[in-house]
C-alpha atoms as a PDB file:
ATOM      1  CA  MET A   1      -6.161  21.867   4.191  1.00  0.00           C
ATOM      2  CA  SER A   2      -4.175  21.230   0.943  1.00  0.00           C
ATOM      3  CA  ARG A   3      -4.701  17.693  -0.611  1.00  0.00           C
ATOM      4  CA  ILE A   4      -1.019  17.401  -1.546  1.00  0.00           C
ATOM      5  CA  CYS A   5       1.139  14.820   0.263  1.00  0.00           C
ATOM      6  CA  ALA A   6       4.135  16.815   2.040  1.00  0.00           C
ATOM      7  CA  VAL A   7       6.686  13.692   1.490  1.00  0.00           C
ATOM      8  CA  CYS A   8       5.975  12.173  -1.890  1.00  0.00           C
ATOM      9  CA  GLY A   9       4.077  15.203  -3.463  1.00  0.00           C
ATOM     10  CA  LYS A  10       0.836  12.967  -4.417  1.00  0.00           C
ATOM     11  CA  ARG A  11      -1.839  15.420  -5.629  1.00  0.00           C
ATOM     12  CA  PRO A  12      -5.666  15.182  -6.769  1.00  0.00           C
ATOM     13  CA  GLN A  13      -6.143  13.703 -10.503  1.00  0.00           C
ATOM     14  CA  SER A  14      -8.706  14.310 -12.826  1.00  0.00           C
ATOM     15  CA  ALA A  15     -10.539  11.241 -14.359  1.00  0.00           C
ATOM     16  CA  ASN A  16     -13.690  10.329 -16.206  1.00  0.00           C
ATOM     17  CA  ARG A  17     -16.951   9.114 -14.701  1.00  0.00           C
ATOM     18  CA  VAL A  18     -18.224   6.686 -17.487  1.00  0.00           C
ATOM     19  CA  SER A  19     -21.943   5.674 -17.455  1.00  0.00           C
ATOM     20  CA  ASN A  20     -23.589   2.698 -18.817  1.00  0.00           C
ATOM     21  CA  ALA A  21     -24.299   4.580 -22.017  1.00  0.00           C
ATOM     22  CA  LYS A  22     -20.506   5.366 -22.194  1.00  0.00           C
ATOM     23  CA  ASN A  23     -21.213   9.090 -21.393  1.00  0.00           C
ATOM     24  CA  ARG A  24     -18.175  10.694 -19.726  1.00  0.00           C
ATOM     25  CA  THR A  25     -18.028  13.486 -17.318  1.00  0.00           C
ATOM     26  CA  GLY A  26     -15.225  14.715 -15.405  1.00  0.00           C
ATOM     27  CA  ARG A  27     -14.387  13.794 -11.626  1.00  0.00           C
ATOM     28  CA  TRP A  28     -11.497  14.201  -9.235  1.00  0.00           C
ATOM     29  CA  LEU A  29      -9.842  11.445  -7.377  1.00  0.00           C
ATOM     30  CA  TYR A  30      -8.369  12.611  -4.193  1.00  0.00           C
ATOM     31  CA  PRO A  31      -5.287  11.029  -2.318  1.00  0.00           C
ATOM     32  CA  ASN A  32      -5.948   9.637   1.341  1.00  0.00           C
ATOM     33  CA  VAL A  33      -3.950  12.202   3.290  1.00  0.00           C
ATOM     34  CA  HIS A  34      -4.024  13.163   6.943  1.00  0.00           C
ATOM     35  CA  LYS A  35      -2.560  15.774   8.851  1.00  0.00           C
ATOM     36  CA  MET A  36      -0.129  14.825  11.400  1.00  0.00           C
ATOM     37  CA  ARG A  37       3.140  15.297  13.097  1.00  0.00           C
ATOM     38  CA  PHE A  38       6.123  13.411  11.550  1.00  0.00           C
ATOM     39  CA  SER A  39       9.622  13.094  11.012  1.00  0.00           C
ATOM     40  CA  LEU A  40      11.309  11.844   7.957  1.00  0.00           C
ATOM     41  CA  LYS A  41      13.437   8.376   7.953  1.00  0.00           C
ATOM     42  CA  GLY A  42      16.839   9.164   9.490  1.00  0.00           C
ATOM     43  CA  LYS A  43      16.152  12.628  10.566  1.00  0.00           C
ATOM     44  CA  THR A  44      15.282  14.133  14.005  1.00  0.00           C
ATOM     45  CA  THR A  45      13.411  17.237  13.014  1.00  0.00           C
ATOM     46  CA  VAL A  46       9.555  17.105  13.489  1.00  0.00           C
ATOM     47  CA  GLN A  47       7.292  18.409  10.841  1.00  0.00           C
ATOM     48  CA  ARG A  48       3.483  19.077  10.842  1.00  0.00           C
ATOM     49  CA  GLY A  49       1.600  18.397   7.546  1.00  0.00           C
ATOM     50  CA  PRO A  50      -0.417  16.305   5.265  1.00  0.00           C
ATOM     51  CA  VAL A  51       0.851  12.962   4.645  1.00  0.00           C
ATOM     52  CA  CYS A  52      -0.649  10.081   2.563  1.00  0.00           C
ATOM     53  CA  THR A  53      -1.108   6.817   4.008  1.00  0.00           C
ATOM     54  CA  LYS A  54       0.996   5.143   1.273  1.00  0.00           C
ATOM     55  CA  CYS A  55       3.923   6.934   2.827  1.00  0.00           C
ATOM     56  CA  VAL A  56       2.920   5.907   6.393  1.00  0.00           C
ATOM     57  CA  LYS A  57       2.456   2.395   5.591  1.00  0.00           C
ATOM     58  CA  SER A  58       5.845   2.018   3.437  1.00  0.00           C
ATOM     59  CA  GLY A  59       7.873   3.338   6.504  1.00  0.00           C
ATOM     60  CA  LYS A  60       8.954   6.731   4.761  1.00  0.00           C
ATOM     61  CA  ILE A  61       8.030   8.568   7.725  1.00  0.00           C
ATOM     62  CA  THR A  62       7.755   7.827  11.564  1.00  0.00           C
ATOM     63  CA  LYS A  63       4.886   9.215  13.437  1.00  0.00           C
ATOM     64  CA  VAL A  64       5.487  11.512  16.383  1.00  0.00           C
ATOM     65  CA  VAL A  65       2.903  11.638  19.227  1.00  0.00           C
END
């Protein structure tokens, strides 16, 4: 499963892990996405794909059970 939100397009970001000695090594920050069935706000078509929890909480989508 791809880690890209189907609604807002949020994707993994690269960042630095910083130790106490200020050594910097690369790391990845992944968005919190879940695969679910949903419909966009105001539309009746049902889609299935990865959606981040920020889109679910803000009401951009409605979950279809």
